[in-house]
Amino acid sequence: MASLDEELLQDQEENKREIAFIREQLPSDLKEQYTDAQLVWMLDTIATYFYESGILESNDDEVDVDIDEVSDYLCKQAAAEGLPKLNADEVRFVVEADLDFQEENL
């Protein structure tokens, strides 16, 4: 069993790989718009959305994710936490890239 430090290091490495993947997927005008810290926050918030929505508990082979709903959730959470305002149309690209990354790395 991996120690807590090893697990944290693995999570950091996974985040780095996913951030690199997301940056590759984003339109050129958005590639540098978000810092790595902002992208990590978005990934954590997307995971929170999936947890709170019950999607993770589904027994279906395929789950239909409403990308617009997830994007809106990110924007609302950013506002609630006093973070800079996010544009749902732009955040949508991050959500799509996250889903693509997750699908490729199952």
PDB file of N, CA and C in Angstrom:
ATOM      1  N   MET A   1       0.842  -1.177   0.000  1.00  0.00           N
ATOM      2  CA  MET A   1       0.000   0.000   0.000  1.00  0.00           C
ATOM      3  C   MET A   1       0.894   1.250   0.000  1.00  0.00           C
ATOM      4  N   ALA A   2       0.535   2.203  -0.829  1.00  0.00           N
ATOM      5  CA  ALA A   2       1.327   3.434  -0.949  1.00  0.00           C
ATOM      6  C   ALA A   2       1.119   4.327   0.273  1.00  0.00           C
ATOM      7  N   SER A   3       2.179   4.995   0.662  1.00  0.00           N
ATOM      8  CA  SER A   3       2.072   5.934   1.777  1.00  0.00           C
ATOM      9  C   SER A   3       1.319   7.180   1.312  1.00  0.00           C
ATOM     10  N   LEU A   4       0.912   7.987   2.263  1.00  0.00           N
ATOM     11  CA  LEU A   4       0.191   9.216   1.950  1.00  0.00           C
ATOM     12  C   LEU A   4       1.046  10.116   1.059  1.00  0.00           C
ATOM     13  N   ASP A   5       2.335  10.235   1.378  1.00  0.00           N
ATOM     14  CA  ASP A   5       3.232  11.061   0.561  1.00  0.00           C
ATOM     15  C   ASP A   5       3.308  10.550  -0.873  1.00  0.00           C
ATOM     16  N   GLU A   6       3.369   9.231  -1.039  1.00  0.00           N
ATOM     17  CA  GLU A   6       3.421   8.645  -2.378  1.00  0.00           C
ATOM     18  C   GLU A   6       2.134   8.920  -3.145  1.00  0.00           C
ATOM     19  N   GLU A   7       0.999   8.805  -2.448  1.00  0.00           N
ATOM     20  CA  GLU A   7      -0.290   9.069  -3.087  1.00  0.00           C
ATOM     21  C   GLU A   7      -0.409  10.527  -3.503  1.00  0.00           C
ATOM     22  N   LEU A   8       0.048  11.442  -2.641  1.00  0.00           N
ATOM     23  CA  LEU A   8       0.011  12.865  -2.989  1.00  0.00           C
ATOM     24  C   LEU A   8       0.898  13.157  -4.189  1.00  0.00           C
ATOM     25  N   LEU A   9       2.065  12.532  -4.242  1.00  0.00           N
ATOM     26  CA  LEU A   9       2.973  12.708  -5.372  1.00  0.00           C
ATOM     27  C   LEU A   9       2.338  12.164  -6.651  1.00  0.00           C
ATOM     28  N   GLN A  10       1.679  11.023  -6.554  1.00  0.00           N
ATOM     29  CA  GLN A  10       0.992  10.453  -7.714  1.00  0.00           C
ATOM     30  C   GLN A  10      -0.123  11.379  -8.195  1.00  0.00           C
ATOM     31  N   ASP A  11      -0.872  11.962  -7.253  1.00  0.00           N
ATOM     32  CA  ASP A  11      -1.938  12.902  -7.611  1.00  0.00           C
ATOM     33  C   ASP A  11      -1.373  14.126  -8.324  1.00  0.00           C
ATOM     34  N   GLN A  12      -0.243  14.636  -7.819  1.00  0.00           N
ATOM     35  CA  GLN A  12       0.386  15.799  -8.447  1.00  0.00           C
ATOM     36  C   GLN A  12       0.841  15.468  -9.871  1.00  0.00           C
ATOM     37  N   GLU A  13       1.417  14.285 -10.051  1.00  0.00           N
ATOM     38  CA  GLU A  13       1.870  13.863 -11.386  1.00  0.00           C
ATOM     39  C   GLU A  13       0.683  13.700 -12.326  1.00  0.00           C
ATOM     40  N   GLU A  14      -0.394  13.126 -11.817  1.00  0.00           N
ATOM     41  CA  GLU A  14      -1.610  12.963 -12.617  1.00  0.00           C
ATOM     42  C   GLU A  14      -2.170  14.324 -13.019  1.00  0.00           C
ATOM     43  N   ASN A  15      -2.188  15.262 -12.074  1.00  0.00           N
ATOM     44  CA  ASN A  15      -2.657  16.615 -12.378  1.00  0.00           C
ATOM     45  C   ASN A  15      -1.799  17.260 -13.453  1.00  0.00           C
ATOM     46  N   LYS A  16      -0.492  17.098 -13.378  1.00  0.00           N
ATOM     47  CA  LYS A  16       0.407  17.670 -14.392  1.00  0.00           C
ATOM     48  C   LYS A  16       0.113  17.097 -15.770  1.00  0.00           C
ATOM     49  N   ARG A  17      -0.088  15.782 -15.833  1.00  0.00           N
ATOM     50  CA  ARG A  17      -0.402  15.145 -17.123  1.00  0.00           C
ATOM     51  C   ARG A  17      -1.741  15.646 -17.663  1.00  0.00           C
ATOM     52  N   GLU A  18      -2.727  15.745 -16.769  1.00  0.00           N
ATOM     53  CA  GLU A  18      -4.039  16.193 -17.222  1.00  0.00           C
ATOM     54  C   GLU A  18      -4.016  17.658 -17.640  1.00  0.00           C
ATOM     55  N   ILE A  19      -3.307  18.494 -16.918  1.00  0.00           N
ATOM     56  CA  ILE A  19      -3.213  19.912 -17.293  1.00  0.00           C
ATOM     57  C   ILE A  19      -2.550  20.055 -18.655  1.00  0.00           C
ATOM     58  N   ALA A  20      -1.489  19.283 -18.892  1.00  0.00           N
ATOM     59  CA  ALA A  20      -0.824  19.325 -20.201  1.00  0.00           C
ATOM     60  C   ALA A  20      -1.794  18.890 -21.293  1.00  0.00           C
ATOM     61  N   PHE A  21      -2.571  17.844 -21.023  1.00  0.00           N
ATOM     62  CA  PHE A  21      -3.565  17.360 -21.982  1.00  0.00           C
ATOM     63  C   PHE A  21      -4.614  18.433 -22.259  1.00  0.00           C
ATOM     64  N   ILE A  22      -5.114  19.057 -21.204  1.00  0.00           N
ATOM     65  CA  ILE A  22      -6.141  20.093 -21.356  1.00  0.00           C
ATOM     66  C   ILE A  22      -5.599  21.254 -22.171  1.00  0.00           C
ATOM     67  N   ARG A  23      -4.390  21.696 -21.873  1.00  0.00           N
ATOM     68  CA  ARG A  23      -3.805  22.807 -22.626  1.00  0.00           C
ATOM     69  C   ARG A  23      -3.691  22.484 -24.115  1.00  0.00           C
ATOM     70  N   GLU A  24      -3.392  21.229 -24.428  1.00  0.00           N
ATOM     71  CA  GLU A  24      -3.325  20.807 -25.836  1.00  0.00           C
ATOM     72  C   GLU A  24      -4.689  20.881 -26.505  1.00  0.00           C
ATOM     73  N   GLN A  25      -5.745  20.621 -25.745  1.00  0.00           N
ATOM     74  CA  GLN A  25      -7.098  20.566 -26.290  1.00  0.00           C
ATOM     75  C   GLN A  25      -7.761  21.935 -26.417  1.00  0.00           C
ATOM     76  N   LEU A  26      -7.317  22.886 -25.615  1.00  0.00           N
ATOM     77  CA  LEU A  26      -7.958  24.204 -25.609  1.00  0.00           C
ATOM     78  C   LEU A  26      -7.694  24.957 -26.911  1.00  0.00           C
ATOM     79  N   PRO A  27      -8.655  25.771 -27.341  1.00  0.00           N
ATOM     80  CA  PRO A  27      -8.416  26.644 -28.487  1.00  0.00           C
ATOM     81  C   PRO A  27      -7.223  27.554 -28.182  1.00  0.00           C
ATOM     82  N   SER A  28      -6.509  27.953 -29.216  1.00  0.00           N
ATOM     83  CA  SER A  28      -5.265  28.709 -29.029  1.00  0.00           C
ATOM     84  C   SER A  28      -5.457  29.967 -28.185  1.00  0.00           C
ATOM     85  N   ASP A  29      -6.594  30.640 -28.307  1.00  0.00           N
ATOM     86  CA  ASP A  29      -6.802  31.866 -27.528  1.00  0.00           C
ATOM     87  C   ASP A  29      -7.051  31.602 -26.042  1.00  0.00           C
ATOM     88  N   LEU A  30      -7.276  30.345 -25.656  1.00  0.00           N
ATOM     89  CA  LEU A  30      -7.515  30.007 -24.245  1.00  0.00           C
ATOM     90  C   LEU A  30      -6.360  29.252 -23.603  1.00  0.00           C
ATOM     91  N   LYS A  31      -5.385  28.828 -24.386  1.00  0.00           N
ATOM     92  CA  LYS A  31      -4.307  27.978 -23.868  1.00  0.00           C
ATOM     93  C   LYS A  31      -3.596  28.568 -22.658  1.00  0.00           C
ATOM     94  N   GLU A  32      -3.370  29.863 -22.645  1.00  0.00           N
ATOM     95  CA  GLU A  32      -2.634  30.479 -21.550  1.00  0.00           C
ATOM     96  C   GLU A  32      -3.526  31.332 -20.646  1.00  0.00           C
ATOM     97  N   GLN A  33      -4.830  31.226 -20.829  1.00  0.00           N
ATOM     98  CA  GLN A  33      -5.746  32.056 -20.035  1.00  0.00           C
ATOM     99  C   GLN A  33      -5.783  31.633 -18.566  1.00  0.00           C
ATOM    100  N   TYR A  34      -5.628  30.342 -18.314  1.00  0.00           N
ATOM    101  CA  TYR A  34      -5.748  29.834 -16.958  1.00  0.00           C
ATOM    102  C   TYR A  34      -4.386  29.380 -16.436  1.00  0.00           C
ATOM    103  N   THR A  35      -4.125  29.677 -15.171  1.00  0.00           N
ATOM    104  CA  THR A  35      -2.912  29.181 -14.531  1.00  0.00           C
ATOM    105  C   THR A  35      -3.107  27.701 -14.208  1.00  0.00           C
ATOM    106  N   ASP A  36      -2.005  27.029 -13.895  1.00  0.00           N
ATOM    107  CA  ASP A  36      -2.105  25.631 -13.476  1.00  0.00           C
ATOM    108  C   ASP A  36      -2.971  25.519 -12.222  1.00  0.00           C
ATOM    109  N   ALA A  37      -2.816  26.465 -11.304  1.00  0.00           N
ATOM    110  CA  ALA A  37      -3.614  26.436 -10.071  1.00  0.00           C
ATOM    111  C   ALA A  37      -5.110  26.565 -10.378  1.00  0.00           C
ATOM    112  N   GLN A  38      -5.459  27.428 -11.334  1.00  0.00           N
ATOM    113  CA  GLN A  38      -6.873  27.570 -11.710  1.00  0.00           C
ATOM    114  C   GLN A  38      -7.391  26.274 -12.331  1.00  0.00           C
ATOM    115  N   LEU A  39      -6.577  25.648 -13.163  1.00  0.00           N
ATOM    116  CA  LEU A  39      -7.007  24.395 -13.786  1.00  0.00           C
ATOM    117  C   LEU A  39      -7.162  23.289 -12.746  1.00  0.00           C
ATOM    118  N   VAL A  40      -6.257  23.222 -11.776  1.00  0.00           N
ATOM    119  CA  VAL A  40      -6.394  22.227 -10.709  1.00  0.00           C
ATOM    120  C   VAL A  40      -7.678  22.488  -9.928  1.00  0.00           C
ATOM    121  N   TRP A  41      -7.967  23.753  -9.637  1.00  0.00           N
ATOM    122  CA  TRP A  41      -9.214  24.092  -8.945  1.00  0.00           C
ATOM    123  C   TRP A  41     -10.407  23.612  -9.779  1.00  0.00           C
ATOM    124  N   MET A  42     -10.375  23.856 -11.088  1.00  0.00           N
ATOM    125  CA  MET A  42     -11.480  23.424 -11.953  1.00  0.00           C
ATOM    126  C   MET A  42     -11.622  21.911 -11.920  1.00  0.00           C
ATOM    127  N   LEU A  43     -10.518  21.180 -11.999  1.00  0.00           N
ATOM    128  CA  LEU A  43     -10.580  19.717 -11.968  1.00  0.00           C
ATOM    129  C   LEU A  43     -11.164  19.228 -10.649  1.00  0.00           C
ATOM    130  N   ASP A  44     -10.734  19.825  -9.553  1.00  0.00           N
ATOM    131  CA  ASP A  44     -11.285  19.449  -8.242  1.00  0.00           C
ATOM    132  C   ASP A  44     -12.772  19.771  -8.153  1.00  0.00           C
ATOM    133  N   THR A  45     -13.161  20.900  -8.714  1.00  0.00           N
ATOM    134  CA  THR A  45     -14.561  21.320  -8.666  1.00  0.00           C
ATOM    135  C   THR A  45     -15.423  20.452  -9.577  1.00  0.00           C
ATOM    136  N   ILE A  46     -14.878  20.041 -10.710  1.00  0.00           N
ATOM    137  CA  ILE A  46     -15.602  19.103 -11.584  1.00  0.00           C
ATOM    138  C   ILE A  46     -15.819  17.788 -10.837  1.00  0.00           C
ATOM    139  N   ALA A  47     -14.793  17.306 -10.155  1.00  0.00           N
ATOM    140  CA  ALA A  47     -14.923  16.069  -9.374  1.00  0.00           C
ATOM    141  C   ALA A  47     -15.982  16.228  -8.285  1.00  0.00           C
ATOM    142  N   THR A  48     -16.007  17.384  -7.647  1.00  0.00           N
ATOM    143  CA  THR A  48     -17.024  17.657  -6.628  1.00  0.00           C
ATOM    144  C   THR A  48     -18.419  17.613  -7.246  1.00  0.00           C
ATOM    145  N   TYR A  49     -18.558  18.218  -8.431  1.00  0.00           N
ATOM    146  CA  TYR A  49     -19.856  18.194  -9.125  1.00  0.00           C
ATOM    147  C   TYR A  49     -20.298  16.747  -9.361  1.00  0.00           C
ATOM    148  N   PHE A  50     -19.387  15.917  -9.879  1.00  0.00           N
ATOM    149  CA  PHE A  50     -19.743  14.527 -10.158  1.00  0.00           C
ATOM    150  C   PHE A  50     -20.143  13.799  -8.880  1.00  0.00           C
ATOM    151  N   TYR A  51     -19.434  14.074  -7.810  1.00  0.00           N
ATOM    152  CA  TYR A  51     -19.748  13.441  -6.533  1.00  0.00           C
ATOM    153  C   TYR A  51     -21.119  13.892  -6.028  1.00  0.00           C
ATOM    154  N   GLU A  52     -21.346  15.197  -6.018  1.00  0.00           N
ATOM    155  CA  GLU A  52     -22.598  15.742  -5.485  1.00  0.00           C
ATOM    156  C   GLU A  52     -23.807  15.407  -6.357  1.00  0.00           C
ATOM    157  N   SER A  53     -23.602  15.269  -7.659  1.00  0.00           N
ATOM    158  CA  SER A  53     -24.719  15.003  -8.568  1.00  0.00           C
ATOM    159  C   SER A  53     -25.151  13.541  -8.558  1.00  0.00           C
ATOM    160  N   GLY A  54     -24.318  12.669  -8.000  1.00  0.00           N
ATOM    161  CA  GLY A  54     -24.647  11.249  -7.976  1.00  0.00           C
ATOM    162  C   GLY A  54     -24.197  10.493  -9.213  1.00  0.00           C
ATOM    163  N   ILE A  55     -23.564  11.180 -10.146  1.00  0.00           N
ATOM    164  CA  ILE A  55     -23.107  10.538 -11.383  1.00  0.00           C
ATOM    165  C   ILE A  55     -22.158   9.390 -11.070  1.00  0.00           C
ATOM    166  N   LEU A  56     -21.320   9.552 -10.081  1.00  0.00           N
ATOM    167  CA  LEU A  56     -20.331   8.522  -9.752  1.00  0.00           C
ATOM    168  C   LEU A  56     -20.973   7.247  -9.217  1.00  0.00           C
ATOM    169  N   GLU A  57     -22.200   7.359  -8.745  1.00  0.00           N
ATOM    170  CA  GLU A  57     -22.889   6.202  -8.185  1.00  0.00           C
ATOM    171  C   GLU A  57     -23.699   5.443  -9.228  1.00  0.00           C
ATOM    172  N   SER A  58     -23.713   5.923 -10.464  1.00  0.00           N
ATOM    173  CA  SER A  58     -24.489   5.291 -11.520  1.00  0.00           C
ATOM    174  C   SER A  58     -23.910   3.916 -11.865  1.00  0.00           C
ATOM    175  N   ASN A  59     -24.794   2.975 -12.097  1.00  0.00           N
ATOM    176  CA  ASN A  59     -24.381   1.632 -12.510  1.00  0.00           C
ATOM    177  C   ASN A  59     -24.404   1.472 -14.022  1.00  0.00           C
ATOM    178  N   ASP A  60     -24.803   2.522 -14.736  1.00  0.00           N
ATOM    179  CA  ASP A  60     -24.870   2.466 -16.188  1.00  0.00           C
ATOM    180  C   ASP A  60     -23.472   2.408 -16.783  1.00  0.00           C
ATOM    181  N   ASP A  61     -23.340   1.701 -17.916  1.00  0.00           N
ATOM    182  CA  ASP A  61     -22.053   1.636 -18.605  1.00  0.00           C
ATOM    183  C   ASP A  61     -21.645   3.002 -19.130  1.00  0.00           C
ATOM    184  N   GLU A  62     -22.625   3.749 -19.600  1.00  0.00           N
ATOM    185  CA  GLU A  62     -22.355   5.095 -20.088  1.00  0.00           C
ATOM    186  C   GLU A  62     -23.259   6.072 -19.358  1.00  0.00           C
ATOM    187  N   VAL A  63     -22.674   7.194 -18.971  1.00  0.00           N
ATOM    188  CA  VAL A  63     -23.410   8.226 -18.255  1.00  0.00           C
ATOM    189  C   VAL A  63     -23.428   9.468 -19.129  1.00  0.00           C
ATOM    190  N   ASP A  64     -24.593  10.061 -19.266  1.00  0.00           N
ATOM    191  CA  ASP A  64     -24.729  11.272 -20.066  1.00  0.00           C
ATOM    192  C   ASP A  64     -24.437  12.478 -19.174  1.00  0.00           C
ATOM    193  N   VAL A  65     -23.350  13.180 -19.487  1.00  0.00           N
ATOM    194  CA  VAL A  65     -22.951  14.342 -18.707  1.00  0.00           C
ATOM    195  C   VAL A  65     -23.365  15.602 -19.465  1.00  0.00           C
ATOM    196  N   ASP A  66     -24.086  16.480 -18.802  1.00  0.00           N
ATOM    197  CA  ASP A  66     -24.483  17.750 -19.394  1.00  0.00           C
ATOM    198  C   ASP A  66     -23.335  18.742 -19.185  1.00  0.00           C
ATOM    199  N   ILE A  67     -22.541  18.939 -20.228  1.00  0.00           N
ATOM    200  CA  ILE A  67     -21.344  19.777 -20.142  1.00  0.00           C
ATOM    201  C   ILE A  67     -21.707  21.207 -19.767  1.00  0.00           C
ATOM    202  N   ASP A  68     -22.814  21.698 -20.279  1.00  0.00           N
ATOM    203  CA  ASP A  68     -23.235  23.058 -19.944  1.00  0.00           C
ATOM    204  C   ASP A  68     -23.567  23.185 -18.454  1.00  0.00           C
ATOM    205  N   GLU A  69     -24.185  22.154 -17.900  1.00  0.00           N
ATOM    206  CA  GLU A  69     -24.529  22.165 -16.482  1.00  0.00           C
ATOM    207  C   GLU A  69     -23.257  22.156 -15.621  1.00  0.00           C
ATOM    208  N   VAL A  70     -22.282  21.360 -16.022  1.00  0.00           N
ATOM    209  CA  VAL A  70     -21.015  21.315 -15.283  1.00  0.00           C
ATOM    210  C   VAL A  70     -20.308  22.669 -15.380  1.00  0.00           C
ATOM    211  N   SER A  71     -20.310  23.259 -16.563  1.00  0.00           N
ATOM    212  CA  SER A  71     -19.675  24.570 -16.761  1.00  0.00           C
ATOM    213  C   SER A  71     -20.341  25.631 -15.901  1.00  0.00           C
ATOM    214  N   ASP A  72     -21.657  25.621 -15.872  1.00  0.00           N
ATOM    215  CA  ASP A  72     -22.394  26.573 -15.035  1.00  0.00           C
ATOM    216  C   ASP A  72     -22.063  26.366 -13.558  1.00  0.00           C
ATOM    217  N   TYR A  73     -21.948  25.110 -13.146  1.00  0.00           N
ATOM    218  CA  TYR A  73     -21.598  24.796 -11.761  1.00  0.00           C
ATOM    219  C   TYR A  73     -20.232  25.401 -11.418  1.00  0.00           C
ATOM    220  N   LEU A  74     -19.252  25.240 -12.319  1.00  0.00           N
ATOM    221  CA  LEU A  74     -17.927  25.819 -12.075  1.00  0.00           C
ATOM    222  C   LEU A  74     -18.004  27.333 -11.908  1.00  0.00           C
ATOM    223  N   CYS A  75     -18.764  27.972 -12.776  1.00  0.00           N
ATOM    224  CA  CYS A  75     -18.899  29.432 -12.707  1.00  0.00           C
ATOM    225  C   CYS A  75     -19.541  29.868 -11.391  1.00  0.00           C
ATOM    226  N   LYS A  76     -20.575  29.155 -10.966  1.00  0.00           N
ATOM    227  CA  LYS A  76     -21.258  29.487  -9.714  1.00  0.00           C
ATOM    228  C   LYS A  76     -20.349  29.251  -8.515  1.00  0.00           C
ATOM    229  N   GLN A  77     -19.589  28.166  -8.544  1.00  0.00           N
ATOM    230  CA  GLN A  77     -18.680  27.878  -7.433  1.00  0.00           C
ATOM    231  C   GLN A  77     -17.577  28.929  -7.352  1.00  0.00           C
ATOM    232  N   ALA A  78     -17.053  29.354  -8.502  1.00  0.00           N
ATOM    233  CA  ALA A  78     -16.015  30.395  -8.509  1.00  0.00           C
ATOM    234  C   ALA A  78     -16.559  31.672  -7.878  1.00  0.00           C
ATOM    235  N   ALA A  79     -17.775  32.042  -8.243  1.00  0.00           N
ATOM    236  CA  ALA A  79     -18.389  33.249  -7.686  1.00  0.00           C
ATOM    237  C   ALA A  79     -18.608  33.094  -6.185  1.00  0.00           C
ATOM    238  N   ALA A  80     -19.072  31.915  -5.770  1.00  0.00           N
ATOM    239  CA  ALA A  80     -19.335  31.676  -4.352  1.00  0.00           C
ATOM    240  C   ALA A  80     -18.055  31.714  -3.525  1.00  0.00           C
ATOM    241  N   GLU A  81     -16.944  31.339  -4.138  1.00  0.00           N
ATOM    242  CA  GLU A  81     -15.667  31.327  -3.421  1.00  0.00           C
ATOM    243  C   GLU A  81     -14.886  32.633  -3.589  1.00  0.00           C
ATOM    244  N   GLY A  82     -15.487  33.603  -4.282  1.00  0.00           N
ATOM    245  CA  GLY A  82     -14.833  34.894  -4.463  1.00  0.00           C
ATOM    246  C   GLY A  82     -13.673  34.866  -5.439  1.00  0.00           C
ATOM    247  N   LEU A  83     -13.681  33.885  -6.329  1.00  0.00           N
ATOM    248  CA  LEU A  83     -12.634  33.779  -7.346  1.00  0.00           C
ATOM    249  C   LEU A  83     -12.989  34.653  -8.546  1.00  0.00           C
ATOM    250  N   PRO A  84     -12.025  34.902  -9.421  1.00  0.00           N
ATOM    251  CA  PRO A  84     -12.328  35.683 -10.618  1.00  0.00           C
ATOM    252  C   PRO A  84     -13.473  35.039 -11.411  1.00  0.00           C
ATOM    253  N   LYS A  85     -14.280  35.891 -12.024  1.00  0.00           N
ATOM    254  CA  LYS A  85     -15.445  35.425 -12.790  1.00  0.00           C
ATOM    255  C   LYS A  85     -14.990  34.547 -13.950  1.00  0.00           C
ATOM    256  N   LEU A  86     -15.702  33.437 -14.131  1.00  0.00           N
ATOM    257  CA  LEU A  86     -15.426  32.526 -15.239  1.00  0.00           C
ATOM    258  C   LEU A  86     -16.514  32.657 -16.291  1.00  0.00           C
ATOM    259  N   ASN A  87     -16.137  32.457 -17.524  1.00  0.00           N
ATOM    260  CA  ASN A  87     -17.062  32.476 -18.647  1.00  0.00           C
ATOM    261  C   ASN A  87     -17.447  31.033 -18.956  1.00  0.00           C
ATOM    262  N   ALA A  88     -18.734  30.701 -18.853  1.00  0.00           N
ATOM    263  CA  ALA A  88     -19.198  29.325 -19.037  1.00  0.00           C
ATOM    264  C   ALA A  88     -18.851  28.785 -20.417  1.00  0.00           C
ATOM    265  N   ASP A  89     -18.896  29.632 -21.443  1.00  0.00           N
ATOM    266  CA  ASP A  89     -18.567  29.177 -22.795  1.00  0.00           C
ATOM    267  C   ASP A  89     -17.103  28.779 -22.907  1.00  0.00           C
ATOM    268  N   GLU A  90     -16.236  29.471 -22.179  1.00  0.00           N
ATOM    269  CA  GLU A  90     -14.806  29.139 -22.192  1.00  0.00           C
ATOM    270  C   GLU A  90     -14.506  27.945 -21.289  1.00  0.00           C
ATOM    271  N   VAL A  91     -15.147  27.895 -20.134  1.00  0.00           N
ATOM    272  CA  VAL A  91     -14.944  26.801 -19.188  1.00  0.00           C
ATOM    273  C   VAL A  91     -15.392  25.477 -19.809  1.00  0.00           C
ATOM    274  N   ARG A  92     -16.353  25.549 -20.683  1.00  0.00           N
ATOM    275  CA  ARG A  92     -16.875  24.356 -21.357  1.00  0.00           C
ATOM    276  C   ARG A  92     -15.743  23.560 -22.015  1.00  0.00           C
ATOM    277  N   PHE A  93     -14.769  24.258 -22.594  1.00  0.00           N
ATOM    278  CA  PHE A  93     -13.642  23.589 -23.236  1.00  0.00           C
ATOM    279  C   PHE A  93     -12.811  22.802 -22.218  1.00  0.00           C
ATOM    280  N   VAL A  94     -12.678  23.340 -21.019  1.00  0.00           N
ATOM    281  CA  VAL A  94     -11.935  22.651 -19.963  1.00  0.00           C
ATOM    282  C   VAL A  94     -12.698  21.401 -19.534  1.00  0.00           C
ATOM    283  N   VAL A  95     -14.007  21.533 -19.376  1.00  0.00           N
ATOM    284  CA  VAL A  95     -14.839  20.395 -18.974  1.00  0.00           C
ATOM    285  C   VAL A  95     -14.756  19.293 -20.027  1.00  0.00           C
ATOM    286  N   GLU A  96     -14.873  19.655 -21.296  1.00  0.00           N
ATOM    287  CA  GLU A  96     -14.789  18.662 -22.374  1.00  0.00           C
ATOM    288  C   GLU A  96     -13.429  17.974 -22.369  1.00  0.00           C
ATOM    289  N   ALA A  97     -12.362  18.743 -22.200  1.00  0.00           N
ATOM    290  CA  ALA A  97     -11.011  18.167 -22.191  1.00  0.00           C
ATOM    291  C   ALA A  97     -10.833  17.243 -20.988  1.00  0.00           C
ATOM    292  N   ASP A  98     -11.385  17.622 -19.834  1.00  0.00           N
ATOM    293  CA  ASP A  98     -11.308  16.759 -18.655  1.00  0.00           C
ATOM    294  C   ASP A  98     -12.014  15.439 -18.919  1.00  0.00           C
ATOM    295  N   LEU A  99     -13.191  15.488 -19.499  1.00  0.00           N
ATOM    296  CA  LEU A  99     -13.929  14.261 -19.805  1.00  0.00           C
ATOM    297  C   LEU A  99     -13.158  13.396 -20.800  1.00  0.00           C
ATOM    298  N   ASP A 100     -12.557  14.024 -21.808  1.00  0.00           N
ATOM    299  CA  ASP A 100     -11.750  13.288 -22.787  1.00  0.00           C
ATOM    300  C   ASP A 100     -10.561  12.618 -22.104  1.00  0.00           C
ATOM    301  N   PHE A 101      -9.899  13.350 -21.213  1.00  0.00           N
ATOM    302  CA  PHE A 101      -8.754  12.793 -20.492  1.00  0.00           C
ATOM    303  C   PHE A 101      -9.189  11.597 -19.657  1.00  0.00           C
ATOM    304  N   GLN A 102     -10.292  11.748 -18.939  1.00  0.00           N
ATOM    305  CA  GLN A 102     -10.776  10.665 -18.081  1.00  0.00           C
ATOM    306  C   GLN A 102     -11.117   9.439 -18.927  1.00  0.00           C
ATOM    307  N   GLU A 103     -11.748   9.664 -20.065  1.00  0.00           N
ATOM    308  CA  GLU A 103     -12.128   8.559 -20.939  1.00  0.00           C
ATOM    309  C   GLU A 103     -10.909   7.820 -21.475  1.00  0.00           C
ATOM    310  N   GLU A 104      -9.871   8.553 -21.826  1.00  0.00           N
ATOM    311  CA  GLU A 104      -8.655   7.957 -22.377  1.00  0.00           C
ATOM    312  C   GLU A 104      -7.837   7.248 -21.310  1.00  0.00           C
ATOM    313  N   ASN A 105      -8.028   7.592 -20.050  1.00  0.00           N
ATOM    314  CA  ASN A 105      -7.190   7.056 -18.987  1.00  0.00           C
ATOM    315  C   ASN A 105      -7.930   6.143 -18.020  1.00  0.00           C
ATOM    316  N   LEU A 106      -9.038   5.571 -18.464  1.00  0.00           N
ATOM    317  CA  LEU A 106      -9.770   4.639 -17.604  1.00  0.00           C
ATOM    318  C   LEU A 106      -9.048   3.320 -17.498  1.00  0.00           C
TER     319      LEU A 106
END
